[in-house]
Amino acid sequence: MTRLAAVSEVTRHYIEDEKVPGAVVAVSQHGKLIHFDAQGVMNPHDGAAMRDDAIFRMASSTKPVLGVAAMLMIEDGLFDPHDPVSQYIPEFENIQVAVLDDPVDEDISPEYVLEEPPPHRLVDPHRPVTIHDLLTHTSGLGTYGLGMAVADWPWQDGETLATWIPKVASGPLDYQPGTRWAYSPFLGLDVVARIIEVVSGEAFNELVQRRIFDPLDMKDTHWNLPEQKKDRLVVLPKDEGEFRGKKVGFRMPAGYYSGSIGLYSTARDYLRFEEMLLNRGALSGTRVLDERSVERMSGNRLDIPYRGKKDQDGLGYGYTVYVTIDPQQANSPRTPGAFGWGGAFGTMTWNEPSAGLAVVIMVQKLTEDIHDEITRAIHAEL
């Protein structure tokens, strides 16, 4: 189904210009599918055509699923977002913050430390790290600052959330909690996933399957891709790196169910996920989230500036999703109130409540411009 001809044209140009090998784009409005288009190839090496049901590595597009799971725990009264993390994972009680040795009369935490760390010292946090901090990327945990650079988090084969997260709790933090927005790609939301296990008494992956994937009929969404579905997996243009220590890779080992990365899915499945959020928590007569939970997740939860990759004004951040507040300031083609998130391999999903839109863009090569160009094409044809 390719009702939105301009969207197909944008996709075709990106493929012809070899910016992406292939793509699947799905758009619905007010609950009706208005565009579904698969173009290009699944495998750049053998030219296999892109399938409608192609399976993509979602990377950080996994994070909004964790956000919905966290909202469910809040609904169930199992935790409050402002609870200290140490209430559920006691090892966080003594976590500290890494600062530069010099000057000694001022605590300075550099934004990024990607090479040999400078001399440092540890100071106490001004307040405990909360679940809210983790959900909004304001915790200071694992944001590639000084704390992460000097941390000792030994990874061993067979790690699970239950074994890994207490190691992460040794810290130190990259900055004082709540003082900065800095993205935690691989750690912060895994702590929330472990808290969900603690309070629910259920494995994180099993809870998500039972309360999110099954009710939404997300039948092709997995952490461990079944063998019989591997022929539908889109091949990456190049090796993007294996998992290795300190969670700097993208391929999760079997048995570790990350709240940050690691899901595989299809355009069809993630469109259903976005449609549920667009419809304020329900889809096809099945309620997954309370309306108030969707409002809480998708509203701006920051009292400090959100600073994403482009460092633009006009955006905010909710629980695991960015929020468009002022499209003109943000130089964004999306409407006010739009919210969603993307993954490092190029996937991007969001919805726009004011326009009734749910959008899924599936590619496996990070080409940021394609998302905005497709958005402009969608709005030009509506």
Protein backbone atom coordinates (compact mmCIF):
# COMPACT_ATOMS: atom_id res chain seq x y z
CA MET A 1 0.00 0.00 0.00
CA THR A 2 1.67 3.24 -1.14
CA ARG A 3 -0.91 5.98 -0.91
CA LEU A 4 1.69 8.59 0.05
CA ALA A 5 3.58 8.81 -3.23
CA ALA A 6 5.94 11.54 -1.99
CA VAL A 7 7.05 9.32 0.90
CA SER A 8 7.86 6.50 -1.50
CA GLU A 9 9.77 8.98 -3.65
CA VAL A 10 11.93 10.13 -0.72
CA THR A 11 12.70 6.51 0.14
CA ARG A 12 13.54 5.71 -3.49
CA HIS A 13 15.98 8.64 -3.72
CA TYR A 14 17.82 7.55 -0.58
CA ILE A 15 18.19 4.05 -1.99
CA GLU A 16 19.28 5.24 -5.45
CA ASP A 17 21.84 7.57 -3.84
CA GLU A 18 23.13 4.58 -1.83
CA LYS A 19 22.44 6.29 1.47
CA VAL A 20 20.44 3.27 2.62
CA PRO A 21 20.24 -0.19 1.00
CA GLY A 22 16.54 -0.57 1.74
CA ALA A 23 13.70 0.58 3.93
CA VAL A 24 10.21 -0.21 5.17
CA VAL A 25 8.01 2.80 6.00
CA ALA A 26 4.59 2.50 7.65
CA VAL A 27 2.17 5.33 8.43
CA SER A 28 -1.31 5.27 9.93
CA GLN A 29 -3.71 8.13 10.62
CA HIS A 30 -6.60 7.95 13.06
CA GLY A 31 -6.13 4.21 13.27
CA LYS A 32 -6.20 3.56 9.51
CA LEU A 33 -3.15 2.40 7.56
CA ILE A 34 -2.44 5.02 4.90
CA HIS A 35 1.04 3.97 3.78
CA PHE A 36 3.10 0.78 3.87
CA ASP A 37 6.02 0.52 1.51
CA ALA A 38 9.05 -1.81 1.33
CA GLN A 39 11.81 -0.79 -1.09
CA GLY A 40 15.41 -1.67 -1.82
CA VAL A 41 17.24 -4.75 -0.60
CA MET A 42 17.46 -6.70 2.64
CA ASN A 43 20.96 -7.90 1.88
CA PRO A 44 23.39 -5.55 0.09
CA HIS A 45 25.63 -8.54 -0.68
CA ASP A 46 23.17 -10.74 -2.59
CA GLY A 47 20.51 -8.20 -3.61
CA ALA A 48 17.61 -9.96 -1.88
CA ALA A 49 14.57 -7.69 -2.16
CA MET A 50 13.22 -5.99 0.96
CA ARG A 51 10.26 -7.86 2.44
CA ASP A 52 7.17 -6.31 3.99
CA ASP A 53 7.81 -8.47 7.06
CA ALA A 54 11.56 -7.85 7.22
CA ILE A 55 13.03 -7.93 10.72
CA PHE A 56 15.24 -5.06 11.89
CA ARG A 57 17.65 -4.54 14.76
CA MET A 58 15.92 -1.90 16.87
CA ALA A 59 18.91 -0.84 19.03
CA SER A 60 17.71 2.11 21.17
CA SER A 61 14.23 1.92 19.68
CA THR A 62 13.94 -0.68 22.45
CA LYS A 63 13.82 2.10 25.05
CA PRO A 64 10.15 3.19 24.68
CA VAL A 65 9.13 -0.42 25.38
CA LEU A 66 10.96 -0.12 28.70
CA GLY A 67 9.13 3.19 29.20
CA VAL A 68 5.74 1.50 28.83
CA ALA A 69 6.80 -1.29 31.20
CA ALA A 70 7.82 1.31 33.78
CA MET A 71 4.46 3.07 33.42
CA LEU A 72 2.74 -0.25 34.10
CA MET A 73 4.68 -0.63 37.35
CA ILE A 74 3.68 2.90 38.39
CA GLU A 75 0.04 2.11 37.56
CA ASP A 76 0.27 -1.05 39.65
CA GLY A 77 1.58 0.95 42.61
CA LEU A 78 4.81 -1.06 42.67
CA PHE A 79 7.08 2.00 42.55
CA ASP A 80 6.95 5.76 42.27
CA PRO A 81 9.28 7.46 39.77
CA HIS A 82 10.70 9.65 42.52
CA ASP A 83 11.72 6.67 44.66
CA PRO A 84 15.47 6.33 45.17
CA VAL A 85 17.00 3.49 43.19
CA SER A 86 18.65 2.21 46.37
CA GLN A 87 15.19 1.39 47.76
CA TYR A 88 15.07 -1.50 45.28
CA ILE A 89 18.76 -2.12 44.57
CA PRO A 90 20.61 -1.52 47.87
CA GLU A 91 24.02 -1.47 46.18
CA PHE A 92 23.19 2.04 44.90
CA GLU A 93 23.18 3.40 48.46
CA ASN A 94 26.86 4.34 48.39
CA ILE A 95 27.32 5.41 44.78
CA GLN A 96 29.52 8.52 44.32
CA VAL A 97 30.26 11.09 41.63
CA ALA A 98 33.57 11.41 39.76
CA VAL A 99 35.05 14.92 39.52
CA LEU A 100 38.38 16.32 38.39
CA ASP A 101 41.20 16.43 40.94
CA ASP A 102 41.97 20.00 39.97
CA PRO A 103 40.62 22.44 41.03
CA VAL A 104 40.27 21.11 44.55
CA ASP A 105 37.82 23.82 45.60
CA GLU A 106 35.31 23.08 42.83
CA ASP A 107 33.67 19.87 41.70
CA ILE A 108 33.89 19.67 37.90
CA SER A 109 32.53 16.74 35.92
CA PRO A 110 33.58 16.90 32.24
CA GLU A 111 30.84 16.10 29.76
CA TYR A 112 32.71 13.35 27.91
CA VAL A 113 35.89 11.41 28.62
CA LEU A 114 36.57 9.11 25.67
CA GLU A 115 40.31 8.61 26.09
CA GLU A 116 42.63 8.21 29.07
CA PRO A 117 40.81 9.67 32.09
CA PRO A 118 42.44 12.65 33.84
CA PRO A 119 43.19 12.52 37.59
CA HIS A 120 39.97 12.41 39.55
CA ARG A 121 38.43 12.18 42.97
CA LEU A 122 35.06 10.98 44.22
CA VAL A 123 32.46 13.06 46.02
CA ASP A 124 29.08 12.24 47.51
CA PRO A 125 25.96 12.92 45.44
CA HIS A 126 23.87 15.89 46.47
CA ARG A 127 20.86 13.57 46.57
CA PRO A 128 20.07 9.94 45.73
CA VAL A 129 19.59 8.76 42.16
CA THR A 130 15.88 8.21 41.47
CA ILE A 131 13.94 6.15 38.95
CA HIS A 132 12.82 9.45 37.42
CA ASP A 133 16.48 10.33 36.80
CA LEU A 134 17.04 7.06 34.97
CA LEU A 135 13.89 7.37 32.85
CA THR A 136 14.82 10.92 31.79
CA HIS A 137 18.58 10.41 31.27
CA THR A 138 19.45 12.81 34.08
CA SER A 139 21.02 10.25 36.45
CA GLY A 140 24.68 10.59 35.46
CA LEU A 141 25.03 6.82 35.08
CA GLY A 142 26.85 5.53 32.02
CA THR A 143 26.87 8.71 29.92
CA TYR A 144 30.52 8.40 28.78
CA GLY A 145 31.76 10.96 31.25
CA LEU A 146 34.53 10.73 33.85
CA GLY A 147 32.65 8.28 36.05
CA MET A 148 32.17 5.74 33.28
CA ALA A 149 35.77 6.21 32.16
CA VAL A 150 37.12 5.14 35.56
CA ALA A 151 34.42 2.58 36.42
CA ASP A 152 35.23 -1.09 36.94
CA TRP A 153 32.28 -3.16 35.76
CA PRO A 154 33.70 -6.58 34.85
CA TRP A 155 31.45 -8.42 32.42
CA GLN A 156 31.35 -12.22 32.56
CA ASP A 157 29.66 -14.76 30.35
CA GLY A 158 26.14 -15.54 31.49
CA GLU A 159 25.39 -12.14 33.00
CA THR A 160 21.76 -11.23 33.62
CA LEU A 161 20.13 -8.06 34.86
CA ALA A 162 20.24 -9.58 38.35
CA THR A 163 24.01 -10.13 38.24
CA TRP A 164 25.13 -7.15 36.15
CA ILE A 165 23.20 -4.24 37.65
CA PRO A 166 24.67 -4.57 41.19
CA LYS A 167 28.12 -4.20 39.57
CA VAL A 168 27.01 -1.03 37.81
CA ALA A 169 25.86 0.29 41.19
CA SER A 170 29.49 0.64 42.24
CA GLY A 171 29.52 3.72 39.99
CA PRO A 172 30.81 6.29 39.94
CA LEU A 173 28.34 8.68 38.35
CA ASP A 174 29.38 11.07 35.59
CA TYR A 175 27.72 14.08 37.22
CA GLN A 176 25.41 15.05 40.05
CA PRO A 177 21.92 13.53 39.60
CA GLY A 178 19.37 15.85 38.02
CA THR A 179 21.83 18.56 36.98
CA ARG A 180 22.33 17.61 33.33
CA TRP A 181 20.63 15.79 30.46
CA ALA A 182 23.11 13.30 29.07
CA TYR A 183 22.13 10.17 27.19
CA SER A 184 22.82 6.82 28.81
CA PRO A 185 22.78 4.48 25.80
CA PHE A 186 23.30 1.15 27.50
CA LEU A 187 22.97 1.40 31.28
CA GLY A 188 20.40 3.69 32.88
CA LEU A 189 17.30 1.97 31.57
CA ASP A 190 18.73 -1.47 32.30
CA VAL A 191 18.68 -0.46 35.96
CA VAL A 192 14.97 0.31 35.59
CA ALA A 193 14.48 -3.08 33.93
CA ARG A 194 16.08 -4.72 36.96
CA ILE A 195 13.88 -2.70 39.33
CA ILE A 196 10.85 -3.94 37.37
CA GLU A 197 12.01 -7.49 38.00
CA VAL A 198 12.46 -6.80 41.72
CA VAL A 199 9.04 -5.24 42.27
CA SER A 200 7.05 -7.52 39.96
CA GLY A 201 8.73 -10.80 40.81
CA GLU A 202 8.82 -11.56 37.09
CA ALA A 203 11.65 -11.63 34.55
CA PHE A 204 11.70 -8.39 32.57
CA ASN A 205 11.38 -10.10 29.18
CA GLU A 206 8.50 -12.27 30.37
CA LEU A 207 6.60 -9.30 31.80
CA VAL A 208 7.03 -7.33 28.56
CA GLN A 209 5.87 -10.31 26.51
CA ARG A 210 2.80 -10.86 28.67
CA ARG A 211 1.71 -7.25 29.16
CA ILE A 212 2.86 -5.49 26.00
CA PHE A 213 3.80 -7.75 23.09
CA ASP A 214 1.03 -10.34 23.45
CA PRO A 215 -1.86 -7.85 23.97
CA LEU A 216 -0.65 -5.84 20.96
CA ASP A 217 -0.11 -8.94 18.82
CA MET A 218 3.54 -7.95 18.30
CA LYS A 219 4.27 -11.43 17.02
CA ASP A 220 7.68 -10.71 15.48
CA THR A 221 9.31 -8.75 18.31
CA HIS A 222 12.03 -10.58 20.24
CA TRP A 223 15.25 -10.18 22.18
CA ASN A 224 16.42 -13.60 20.95
CA LEU A 225 15.41 -13.98 17.32
CA PRO A 226 14.01 -17.48 16.65
CA GLU A 227 16.01 -19.54 14.19
CA GLN A 228 13.07 -19.89 11.80
CA LYS A 229 12.85 -16.10 11.43
CA LYS A 230 16.52 -15.36 10.74
CA ASP A 231 16.01 -15.44 6.98
CA ARG A 232 13.90 -12.28 7.41
CA LEU A 233 16.64 -10.36 9.24
CA VAL A 234 17.95 -7.35 7.32
CA VAL A 235 21.71 -7.55 6.84
CA LEU A 236 23.75 -4.63 8.11
CA PRO A 237 25.80 -2.82 5.46
CA LYS A 238 28.89 -3.37 7.61
CA ASP A 239 29.83 -4.94 10.93
CA GLU A 240 28.64 -2.54 13.63
CA GLY A 241 30.56 -4.21 16.45
CA GLU A 242 29.92 -7.02 18.86
CA PHE A 243 28.91 -6.72 22.50
CA ARG A 244 31.91 -6.15 24.73
CA GLY A 245 32.25 -5.19 28.41
CA LYS A 246 30.80 -1.93 29.79
CA LYS A 247 27.93 -2.38 27.34
CA VAL A 248 29.36 -0.51 24.39
CA GLY A 249 28.08 -2.88 21.70
CA PHE A 250 24.67 -3.51 20.24
CA ARG A 251 24.22 -7.27 20.16
CA MET A 252 22.99 -8.54 23.49
CA PRO A 253 24.09 -11.99 24.63
CA ALA A 254 21.28 -14.52 25.06
CA GLY A 255 19.87 -14.34 28.58
CA TYR A 256 20.55 -10.64 29.07
CA TYR A 257 17.29 -8.78 28.45
CA SER A 258 18.18 -5.13 28.15
CA GLY A 259 15.74 -2.28 28.63
CA SER A 260 18.05 -0.09 26.54
CA ILE A 261 18.82 -2.02 23.36
CA GLY A 262 18.60 -5.43 21.80
CA LEU A 263 15.10 -5.95 20.38
CA TYR A 264 14.39 -7.23 16.87
CA SER A 265 11.10 -6.24 15.26
CA THR A 266 9.12 -5.39 12.13
CA ALA A 267 7.44 -2.24 10.83
CA ARG A 268 4.06 -3.86 11.35
CA ASP A 269 4.74 -4.65 15.04
CA TYR A 270 6.18 -1.26 15.94
CA LEU A 271 3.36 0.54 14.17
CA ARG A 272 0.96 -1.28 16.50
CA PHE A 273 3.05 -0.15 19.46
CA GLU A 274 2.95 3.48 18.30
CA GLU A 275 -0.77 3.28 17.53
CA MET A 276 -1.41 2.10 21.08
CA LEU A 277 0.39 5.15 22.46
CA LEU A 278 -1.35 7.44 19.97
CA ASN A 279 -4.69 6.01 21.09
CA ARG A 280 -3.84 6.88 24.70
CA GLY A 281 -3.00 3.36 25.80
CA ALA A 282 -5.46 1.13 23.92
CA LEU A 283 -5.57 -0.68 20.59
CA SER A 284 -8.23 -2.87 18.96
CA GLY A 285 -10.31 -2.95 22.11
CA THR A 286 -7.38 -3.95 24.33
CA ARG A 287 -6.09 -1.50 26.93
CA VAL A 288 -2.39 -1.74 27.68
CA LEU A 289 -1.85 1.54 29.56
CA ASP A 290 -4.06 3.96 31.41
CA GLU A 291 -4.56 7.27 29.59
CA ARG A 292 -2.88 9.14 32.44
CA SER A 293 0.18 6.92 32.09
CA VAL A 294 0.54 7.84 28.42
CA GLU A 295 0.24 11.52 29.32
CA ARG A 296 2.90 11.11 31.99
CA MET A 297 5.25 9.24 29.68
CA SER A 298 4.84 11.61 26.72
CA GLY A 299 4.88 14.97 28.51
CA ASN A 300 8.05 16.96 29.11
CA ARG A 301 9.40 15.74 32.45
CA LEU A 302 12.50 17.96 32.54
CA ASP A 303 13.11 21.11 34.54
CA ILE A 304 16.48 21.54 32.82
CA PRO A 305 17.15 21.93 29.07
CA TYR A 306 17.00 18.85 26.87
CA ARG A 307 20.12 18.59 24.81
CA GLY A 308 19.99 15.85 22.21
CA LYS A 309 22.42 15.32 19.35
CA LYS A 310 21.52 18.52 17.55
CA ASP A 311 21.43 20.56 20.74
CA GLN A 312 18.26 22.28 19.55
CA ASP A 313 15.75 24.22 21.58
CA GLY A 314 12.07 23.46 21.31
CA LEU A 315 12.33 19.84 22.41
CA GLY A 316 11.70 18.23 25.77
CA TYR A 317 12.04 14.76 27.17
CA GLY A 318 9.46 12.52 28.79
CA TYR A 319 9.99 9.01 30.10
CA THR A 320 12.24 7.36 27.45
CA VAL A 321 10.94 9.56 24.59
CA TYR A 322 11.75 12.98 23.19
CA VAL A 323 8.84 15.43 23.00
CA THR A 324 8.35 18.16 20.40
CA ILE A 325 7.31 21.33 22.23
CA ASP A 326 7.97 24.08 19.67
CA PRO A 327 8.60 22.74 16.13
CA GLN A 328 9.88 26.09 14.87
CA GLN A 329 12.50 26.39 17.61
CA ALA A 330 13.42 22.76 17.16
CA ASN A 331 13.59 23.08 13.36
CA SER A 332 11.41 19.98 13.29
CA PRO A 333 8.75 19.04 10.74
CA ARG A 334 6.73 17.26 13.46
CA THR A 335 3.73 18.80 15.15
CA PRO A 336 3.62 19.99 18.79
CA GLY A 337 3.23 17.07 21.18
CA ALA A 338 4.88 14.52 18.88
CA PHE A 339 6.89 11.96 20.84
CA GLY A 340 9.06 8.96 20.03
CA TRP A 341 12.61 7.68 19.81
CA GLY A 342 15.04 6.00 17.44
CA GLY A 343 17.89 3.52 17.25
CA ALA A 344 21.54 3.74 16.23
CA PHE A 345 21.00 1.53 13.18
CA GLY A 346 18.52 4.02 11.73
CA THR A 347 15.11 2.92 13.01
CA MET A 348 12.79 5.74 14.07
CA THR A 349 9.23 5.53 15.42
CA TRP A 350 6.95 8.23 16.77
CA ASN A 351 3.39 9.49 16.87
CA GLU A 352 1.80 12.91 16.52
CA PRO A 353 -1.41 13.17 18.58
CA SER A 354 -2.53 16.47 17.06
CA ALA A 355 -2.41 14.97 13.55
CA GLY A 356 -3.53 11.48 14.50
CA LEU A 357 -0.34 10.05 12.99
CA ALA A 358 1.75 7.01 13.89
CA VAL A 359 4.97 6.60 11.89
CA VAL A 360 7.59 3.85 11.65
CA ILE A 361 10.74 4.18 9.55
CA MET A 362 12.85 1.03 9.37
CA VAL A 363 16.36 1.22 7.92
CA GLN A 364 19.63 -0.37 9.02
CA LYS A 365 22.01 2.46 8.33
CA LEU A 366 22.06 5.66 10.35
CA THR A 367 21.04 8.43 7.95
CA GLU A 368 19.35 11.07 10.08
CA ASP A 369 18.03 13.25 7.26
CA ILE A 370 15.72 10.55 5.92
CA HIS A 371 13.50 10.81 8.99
CA ASP A 372 12.84 14.53 8.60
CA GLU A 373 12.42 14.30 4.84
CA ILE A 374 9.85 11.55 5.16
CA THR A 375 8.03 13.54 7.84
CA ARG A 376 7.82 16.56 5.56
CA ALA A 377 6.56 14.37 2.75
CA ILE A 378 3.86 12.88 4.99
CA HIS A 379 2.56 16.28 6.05
CA ALA A 380 2.70 17.61 2.48
CA GLU A 381 0.28 14.92 1.33
CA LEU A 382 -2.21 14.94 4.21
